[in-house]
């Protein structure tokens, strides 16, 4: 495949869209927002979460909305049946706003994966993303896609640049994830300056910046997925 980088956001704090979304657009890229609809209009250590209007604007801007369970649940603490019901509830809630983009792709809250959840959710989604680092390809597990964190407290641009270079050399698919993107981020977020440094480097290397859905569609066209 052609080297690709995807930027993803979990939970969907507003700054992931208002700050990071604007940065991605400036470099002709778009992101995938794994949205737990039960967090809408709430506030926690990640800051304020998304509003109804954010969902509409995000899709209008060409970003992707994806599933992250409705209640932001770990699959380790409940039965597989209960977990599946919450995932389906999130798909239904997303579809009320943006039917065309809801339900296709998923990320596991907290990066928690069990055999039962992987089997049950994998059969319902085009892809499921975890939090284990690395590059996807030439063979990728679409039920546990590798992803690399962008967290301010452990941010190392040189390491990120090496990952991007390796992705380009291998023709792989590199996925990043974070949460809030603001000047004083939570332990699970990064600053706008850090985020832009990564996006800028990928763009300057000439690597495609695509959403999860766009990448899968490209792979399907090439007969690789």
Protein backbone atom coordinates (compact mmCIF):
# COMPACT_ATOMS: atom_id res chain seq x y z
CA UNK A 1 0.00 0.00 0.00
CA UNK A 2 0.98 3.63 -0.27
CA UNK A 3 2.32 5.05 2.98
CA UNK A 4 -0.49 6.57 5.04
CA UNK A 5 -0.83 8.37 8.38
CA UNK A 6 -4.12 8.61 10.29
CA UNK A 7 -4.73 10.92 13.25
CA UNK A 8 -7.40 9.73 15.67
CA UNK A 9 -8.98 11.11 18.83
CA UNK A 10 -10.68 9.15 21.60
CA UNK A 11 -13.72 10.24 23.66
CA UNK A 12 -13.93 13.52 21.71
CA UNK A 13 -13.04 16.45 23.96
CA UNK A 14 -13.91 19.66 22.08
CA UNK A 15 -10.29 20.77 21.70
CA UNK A 16 -9.60 17.70 19.59
CA UNK A 17 -11.83 19.35 17.00
CA UNK A 18 -11.48 23.07 17.60
CA UNK A 19 -7.67 22.95 17.81
CA UNK A 20 -6.48 19.72 16.20
CA UNK A 21 -9.17 19.67 13.52
CA UNK A 22 -8.11 23.13 12.33
CA UNK A 23 -4.46 22.02 12.21
CA UNK A 24 -5.33 18.99 10.13
CA UNK A 25 -7.35 21.07 7.69
CA UNK A 26 -4.42 23.46 7.29
CA UNK A 27 -2.37 20.52 5.97
CA UNK A 28 -5.21 19.16 3.82
CA UNK A 29 -5.84 16.29 6.22
CA UNK A 30 -8.78 15.05 8.24
CA UNK A 31 -9.12 13.03 11.44
CA UNK A 32 -11.13 10.18 12.90
CA UNK A 33 -13.03 10.97 16.10
CA UNK A 34 -13.93 7.93 18.19
CA UNK A 35 -16.97 9.31 19.96
CA UNK A 36 -18.58 8.07 23.17
CA UNK A 37 -22.01 9.71 22.84
CA UNK A 38 -22.69 9.43 26.57
CA UNK A 39 -19.96 12.03 27.13
CA UNK A 40 -21.73 14.71 25.08
CA UNK A 41 -21.80 18.11 26.84
CA UNK A 42 -19.97 16.78 29.90
CA UNK A 43 -16.66 17.93 31.35
CA UNK A 44 -13.85 15.93 32.95
CA UNK A 45 -10.05 16.06 33.14
CA UNK A 46 -9.93 16.20 29.33
CA UNK A 47 -11.92 19.45 29.41
CA UNK A 48 -15.36 20.06 27.88
CA UNK A 49 -16.59 17.34 25.56
CA UNK A 50 -18.31 17.77 22.21
CA UNK A 51 -21.66 19.41 21.62
CA UNK A 52 -24.38 18.48 19.16
CA UNK A 53 -23.30 21.20 16.75
CA UNK A 54 -19.73 19.93 16.83
CA UNK A 55 -20.89 16.61 15.39
CA UNK A 56 -22.56 18.28 12.44
CA UNK A 57 -19.69 20.68 11.80
CA UNK A 58 -17.07 17.96 12.08
CA UNK A 59 -18.75 15.80 9.43
CA UNK A 60 -19.33 18.84 7.21
CA UNK A 61 -15.60 19.54 7.43
CA UNK A 62 -14.84 16.05 6.12
CA UNK A 63 -13.71 14.42 9.36
CA UNK A 64 -14.93 10.97 10.41
CA UNK A 65 -17.10 10.09 13.39
CA UNK A 66 -16.57 6.59 14.73
CA UNK A 67 -17.71 4.39 17.60
CA UNK A 68 -16.13 4.33 21.08
CA UNK A 69 -19.01 2.71 23.03
CA UNK A 70 -21.82 4.90 24.33
CA UNK A 71 -20.78 4.90 27.98
CA UNK A 72 -17.00 4.72 27.54
CA UNK A 73 -16.83 1.21 28.96
CA UNK A 74 -14.01 -1.24 29.42
CA UNK A 75 -14.79 -4.67 28.03
CA UNK A 76 -12.93 -6.19 30.98
CA UNK A 77 -15.52 -5.14 33.55
CA UNK A 78 -18.78 -6.32 32.00
CA UNK A 79 -20.15 -9.23 30.01
CA UNK A 80 -19.56 -9.38 26.27
CA UNK A 81 -23.32 -9.12 25.68
CA UNK A 82 -23.56 -5.93 27.75
CA UNK A 83 -20.53 -4.51 25.95
CA UNK A 84 -22.03 -5.23 22.54
CA UNK A 85 -25.30 -3.55 23.57
CA UNK A 86 -23.43 -0.40 24.57
CA UNK A 87 -21.53 -0.38 21.28
CA UNK A 88 -24.79 -0.76 19.37
CA UNK A 89 -26.31 2.04 21.45
CA UNK A 90 -23.46 4.30 20.39
CA UNK A 91 -23.95 3.42 16.74
CA UNK A 92 -27.66 4.27 17.02
CA UNK A 93 -26.92 7.59 18.75
CA UNK A 94 -24.34 8.52 16.12
CA UNK A 95 -26.76 7.62 13.35
CA UNK A 96 -29.28 10.13 14.70
CA UNK A 97 -26.83 12.85 13.68
CA UNK A 98 -24.74 11.49 10.84
CA UNK A 99 -26.10 8.26 9.47
CA UNK A 100 -23.60 8.16 6.60
CA UNK A 101 -20.55 7.95 8.86
CA UNK A 102 -21.82 6.15 11.97
CA UNK A 103 -20.90 2.70 13.09
CA UNK A 104 -18.22 1.71 10.61
CA UNK A 105 -15.08 1.92 12.73
CA UNK A 106 -14.42 1.43 16.41
CA UNK A 107 -11.75 1.91 19.07
CA UNK A 108 -11.60 0.07 22.39
CA UNK A 109 -11.89 2.43 25.39
CA UNK A 110 -8.72 2.34 27.51
CA UNK A 111 -7.21 0.06 24.87
CA UNK A 112 -8.78 -2.89 26.69
CA UNK A 113 -9.36 -5.92 24.47
CA UNK A 114 -10.70 -9.34 25.37
CA UNK A 115 -11.11 -12.35 23.10
CA UNK A 116 -14.90 -12.14 23.44
CA UNK A 117 -15.07 -8.42 22.70
CA UNK A 118 -12.71 -8.69 19.76
CA UNK A 119 -14.75 -11.47 18.20
CA UNK A 120 -18.14 -9.85 18.85
CA UNK A 121 -17.26 -6.28 17.88
CA UNK A 122 -14.98 -7.26 15.02
CA UNK A 123 -17.87 -8.96 13.27
CA UNK A 124 -19.92 -5.74 13.44
CA UNK A 125 -17.31 -3.15 12.45
CA UNK A 126 -15.06 -2.51 9.49
CA UNK A 127 -12.15 -2.02 11.89
CA UNK A 128 -11.29 -1.87 15.58
CA UNK A 129 -8.35 0.17 16.85
CA UNK A 130 -6.35 -0.59 19.97
CA UNK A 131 -3.50 1.21 21.72
CA UNK A 132 -0.59 -1.14 21.06
CA UNK A 133 2.11 0.75 19.25
CA UNK A 134 3.63 0.00 15.88
CA UNK A 135 2.99 0.24 12.16
CA UNK A 136 0.19 -1.60 10.39
CA UNK A 137 1.22 -3.55 7.31
CA UNK A 138 1.97 -5.30 5.13
CA UNK A 139 -0.42 -7.55 7.09
CA UNK A 140 -2.73 -5.83 9.57
CA UNK A 141 -5.23 -7.13 12.11
CA UNK A 142 -8.30 -5.03 11.36
CA UNK A 143 -9.83 -6.10 14.67
CA UNK A 144 -6.88 -4.70 16.64
CA UNK A 145 -5.17 -2.00 14.61
CA UNK A 146 -1.91 -0.72 16.08
CA UNK A 147 -1.81 2.91 17.17
CA UNK A 148 0.74 5.22 18.75
CA UNK A 149 0.00 7.72 21.47
CA UNK A 150 0.64 11.45 21.22
CA UNK A 151 0.80 12.45 24.90
CA UNK A 152 2.53 15.60 26.05
CA UNK A 153 4.32 14.04 29.04
CA UNK A 154 6.16 11.49 26.87
CA UNK A 155 6.26 13.37 23.57
CA UNK A 156 9.46 12.79 21.58
CA UNK A 157 9.43 14.31 18.10
CA UNK A 158 12.54 12.42 17.00
CA UNK A 159 10.89 9.10 17.81
CA UNK A 160 7.77 10.15 15.94
CA UNK A 161 9.83 11.23 12.94
CA UNK A 162 11.58 7.86 12.86
CA UNK A 163 8.19 6.12 12.89
CA UNK A 164 7.01 8.25 9.99
CA UNK A 165 10.19 7.53 8.02
CA UNK A 166 9.87 3.79 8.65
CA UNK A 167 6.22 3.93 7.56
CA UNK A 168 7.23 5.63 4.35
CA UNK A 169 10.01 3.12 3.66
CA UNK A 170 7.74 0.14 4.35
CA UNK A 171 4.65 1.50 2.63
CA UNK A 172 2.74 1.00 5.87
CA UNK A 173 -0.16 2.55 7.73
CA UNK A 174 0.72 4.58 10.81
CA UNK A 175 -2.04 5.56 13.25
CA UNK A 176 -1.69 8.13 16.03
CA UNK A 177 -4.14 8.73 18.85
CA UNK A 178 -4.64 11.34 21.53
CA UNK A 179 -7.46 13.01 23.44
CA UNK A 180 -7.51 16.73 24.27
CA UNK A 181 -5.28 19.13 22.31
CA UNK A 182 -4.67 22.32 24.28
CA UNK A 183 -1.89 24.39 25.82
CA UNK A 184 -2.29 22.73 29.23
CA UNK A 185 -3.29 19.19 28.26
CA UNK A 186 -4.35 16.31 30.45
CA UNK A 187 -2.01 13.32 30.81
CA UNK A 188 -3.88 11.85 27.83
CA UNK A 189 -3.51 14.80 25.48
CA UNK A 190 -0.91 16.97 23.80
CA UNK A 191 -0.36 20.63 22.98
CA UNK A 192 -1.35 22.17 19.64
CA UNK A 193 2.33 22.86 18.97
CA UNK A 194 3.25 19.20 19.47
CA UNK A 195 0.36 18.00 17.37
CA UNK A 196 1.16 20.38 14.52
CA UNK A 197 4.82 19.32 14.55
CA UNK A 198 3.76 15.73 13.81
CA UNK A 199 1.21 16.67 11.16
CA UNK A 200 3.65 19.05 9.50
CA UNK A 201 6.41 16.45 9.37
CA UNK A 202 4.11 13.86 7.79
CA UNK A 203 2.92 16.41 5.23
CA UNK A 204 6.45 17.53 4.41
CA UNK A 205 7.45 13.90 3.83
CA UNK A 206 4.64 13.68 1.29
CA UNK A 207 2.76 10.97 3.18
CA UNK A 208 -1.00 10.85 2.74
CA UNK A 209 -3.03 11.95 5.76
CA UNK A 210 -6.29 9.99 5.65
CA UNK A 211 -9.05 9.04 8.06
CA UNK A 212 -9.51 5.42 9.07
CA UNK A 213 -12.49 5.14 6.72
CA UNK A 214 -10.60 6.69 3.82
CA UNK A 215 -7.66 4.35 4.30
CA UNK A 216 -9.88 1.27 4.39
CA UNK A 217 -11.71 2.42 1.28
CA UNK A 218 -8.38 2.83 -0.49
CA UNK A 219 -7.25 -0.62 0.60
CA UNK A 220 -10.52 -2.12 -0.66
CA UNK A 221 -10.07 -0.43 -4.03
CA UNK A 222 -6.60 -1.93 -4.24
CA UNK A 223 -7.87 -5.34 -3.16
CA UNK A 224 -5.77 -5.31 -0.01
CA UNK A 225 -8.52 -5.39 2.63
